[in-house]
């Protein structure tokens, strides 16, 4: 529990949220190699696999919402992150 965040929602409700998320790469959204190549072109010198891991962590902390197109979602996240 030392890594958890606590927030009082109402008089008798306490929300507990994990600060960090550990994600098995097999559990996260799968990206095609072409999208990783495209991200490498957008962000020369960046470690695309580290970006992918950061994005997957962000996805987990955001509630693991269903993604119709994980590739497109990752690409847009990279573009927004780079701004």
C-alpha atoms as a PDB file:
ATOM      1  CA  UNK A   1       0.000   0.000   0.000  1.00  0.00           C
ATOM      2  CA  UNK A   2       2.905   2.461   0.191  1.00  0.00           C
ATOM      3  CA  UNK A   3       2.764   2.800  -3.609  1.00  0.00           C
ATOM      4  CA  UNK A   4      -0.945   3.612  -3.645  1.00  0.00           C
ATOM      5  CA  UNK A   5      -2.664   6.983  -3.863  1.00  0.00           C
ATOM      6  CA  UNK A   6      -5.597   7.689  -1.559  1.00  0.00           C
ATOM      7  CA  UNK A   7      -8.371  10.199  -2.186  1.00  0.00           C
ATOM      8  CA  UNK A   8     -11.458  10.850  -0.104  1.00  0.00           C
ATOM      9  CA  UNK A   9     -14.450  10.813  -2.457  1.00  0.00           C
ATOM     10  CA  UNK A  10     -17.173  11.517   0.073  1.00  0.00           C
ATOM     11  CA  UNK A  11     -17.684  11.262   3.822  1.00  0.00           C
ATOM     12  CA  UNK A  12     -17.205   7.520   3.933  1.00  0.00           C
ATOM     13  CA  UNK A  13     -15.663   6.587   0.593  1.00  0.00           C
ATOM     14  CA  UNK A  14     -11.924   6.268   0.055  1.00  0.00           C
ATOM     15  CA  UNK A  15     -10.570   5.750  -3.480  1.00  0.00           C
ATOM     16  CA  UNK A  16      -7.320   3.759  -3.719  1.00  0.00           C
ATOM     17  CA  UNK A  17      -5.349   3.993  -6.962  1.00  0.00           C
ATOM     18  CA  UNK A  18      -2.066   2.305  -7.816  1.00  0.00           C
ATOM     19  CA  UNK A  19       0.744   4.780  -8.504  1.00  0.00           C
ATOM     20  CA  UNK A  20       2.565   2.448 -10.823  1.00  0.00           C
ATOM     21  CA  UNK A  21       1.338  -0.214 -13.144  1.00  0.00           C
ATOM     22  CA  UNK A  22       3.295  -3.297 -14.068  1.00  0.00           C
ATOM     23  CA  UNK A  23       2.272  -4.611 -17.441  1.00  0.00           C
ATOM     24  CA  UNK A  24       3.220  -7.859 -19.031  1.00  0.00           C
ATOM     25  CA  UNK A  25       3.864  -6.908 -22.675  1.00  0.00           C
ATOM     26  CA  UNK A  26       1.602  -9.783 -23.747  1.00  0.00           C
ATOM     27  CA  UNK A  27      -1.328  -8.144 -21.882  1.00  0.00           C
ATOM     28  CA  UNK A  28      -1.185  -4.776 -23.618  1.00  0.00           C
ATOM     29  CA  UNK A  29      -2.380  -3.636 -27.019  1.00  0.00           C
ATOM     30  CA  UNK A  30      -0.273  -5.152 -29.791  1.00  0.00           C
ATOM     31  CA  UNK A  31       1.309  -2.860 -32.359  1.00  0.00           C
ATOM     32  CA  UNK A  32       2.447  -3.821 -35.836  1.00  0.00           C
ATOM     33  CA  UNK A  33       6.103  -3.362 -36.717  1.00  0.00           C
ATOM     34  CA  UNK A  34       5.181  -0.829 -39.423  1.00  0.00           C
ATOM     35  CA  UNK A  35       3.810   1.589 -36.828  1.00  0.00           C
ATOM     36  CA  UNK A  36       7.012   1.311 -34.807  1.00  0.00           C
ATOM     37  CA  UNK A  37       8.965   2.141 -37.980  1.00  0.00           C
ATOM     38  CA  UNK A  38       6.712   5.162 -38.564  1.00  0.00           C
ATOM     39  CA  UNK A  39       7.267   6.377 -35.006  1.00  0.00           C
ATOM     40  CA  UNK A  40      11.018   5.987 -35.509  1.00  0.00           C
ATOM     41  CA  UNK A  41      10.750   8.335 -38.500  1.00  0.00           C
ATOM     42  CA  UNK A  42       8.701  10.816 -36.457  1.00  0.00           C
ATOM     43  CA  UNK A  43      11.082  10.719 -33.496  1.00  0.00           C
ATOM     44  CA  UNK A  44      14.597  10.030 -34.782  1.00  0.00           C
ATOM     45  CA  UNK A  45      16.874   8.762 -32.051  1.00  0.00           C
ATOM     46  CA  UNK A  46      13.982   7.788 -29.783  1.00  0.00           C
ATOM     47  CA  UNK A  47      13.709   4.285 -28.355  1.00  0.00           C
ATOM     48  CA  UNK A  48      10.392   3.218 -29.879  1.00  0.00           C
ATOM     49  CA  UNK A  49      10.118   0.227 -27.561  1.00  0.00           C
ATOM     50  CA  UNK A  50      10.497   2.492 -24.512  1.00  0.00           C
ATOM     51  CA  UNK A  51       7.807   4.759 -25.984  1.00  0.00           C
ATOM     52  CA  UNK A  52       5.596   1.724 -26.515  1.00  0.00           C
ATOM     53  CA  UNK A  53       6.087   0.655 -22.880  1.00  0.00           C
ATOM     54  CA  UNK A  54       5.317   4.191 -21.662  1.00  0.00           C
ATOM     55  CA  UNK A  55       2.165   4.297 -23.795  1.00  0.00           C
ATOM     56  CA  UNK A  56       1.031   0.882 -22.532  1.00  0.00           C
ATOM     57  CA  UNK A  57       1.540   2.050 -18.931  1.00  0.00           C
ATOM     58  CA  UNK A  58      -0.498   5.185 -19.711  1.00  0.00           C
ATOM     59  CA  UNK A  59      -3.210   2.959 -21.225  1.00  0.00           C
ATOM     60  CA  UNK A  60      -3.277   0.757 -18.095  1.00  0.00           C
ATOM     61  CA  UNK A  61      -3.468   3.726 -15.736  1.00  0.00           C
ATOM     62  CA  UNK A  62      -6.251   5.157 -17.901  1.00  0.00           C
ATOM     63  CA  UNK A  63      -8.440   2.117 -17.296  1.00  0.00           C
ATOM     64  CA  UNK A  64      -7.512  -0.192 -20.209  1.00  0.00           C
ATOM     65  CA  UNK A  65     -10.137   1.225 -22.527  1.00  0.00           C
ATOM     66  CA  UNK A  66     -11.001  -0.811 -25.601  1.00  0.00           C
ATOM     67  CA  UNK A  67      -9.017   0.429 -28.607  1.00  0.00           C
ATOM     68  CA  UNK A  68     -10.399  -0.105 -32.085  1.00  0.00           C
ATOM     69  CA  UNK A  69      -7.036   0.744 -33.606  1.00  0.00           C
ATOM     70  CA  UNK A  70      -4.136   0.437 -31.169  1.00  0.00           C
ATOM     71  CA  UNK A  71      -1.685   1.446 -33.917  1.00  0.00           C
ATOM     72  CA  UNK A  72      -3.490   4.706 -34.622  1.00  0.00           C
ATOM     73  CA  UNK A  73      -3.967   5.395 -30.895  1.00  0.00           C
ATOM     74  CA  UNK A  74      -0.243   4.908 -30.251  1.00  0.00           C
ATOM     75  CA  UNK A  75       0.728   7.125 -33.175  1.00  0.00           C
ATOM     76  CA  UNK A  76      -1.579   9.936 -31.994  1.00  0.00           C
ATOM     77  CA  UNK A  77      -0.268   9.578 -28.427  1.00  0.00           C
ATOM     78  CA  UNK A  78       3.307   9.933 -29.692  1.00  0.00           C
ATOM     79  CA  UNK A  79       2.366  13.039 -31.696  1.00  0.00           C
ATOM     80  CA  UNK A  80       0.616  14.636 -28.697  1.00  0.00           C
ATOM     81  CA  UNK A  81       3.448  13.699 -26.361  1.00  0.00           C
ATOM     82  CA  UNK A  82       6.039  15.268 -28.631  1.00  0.00           C
ATOM     83  CA  UNK A  83       4.242  18.638 -28.722  1.00  0.00           C
END
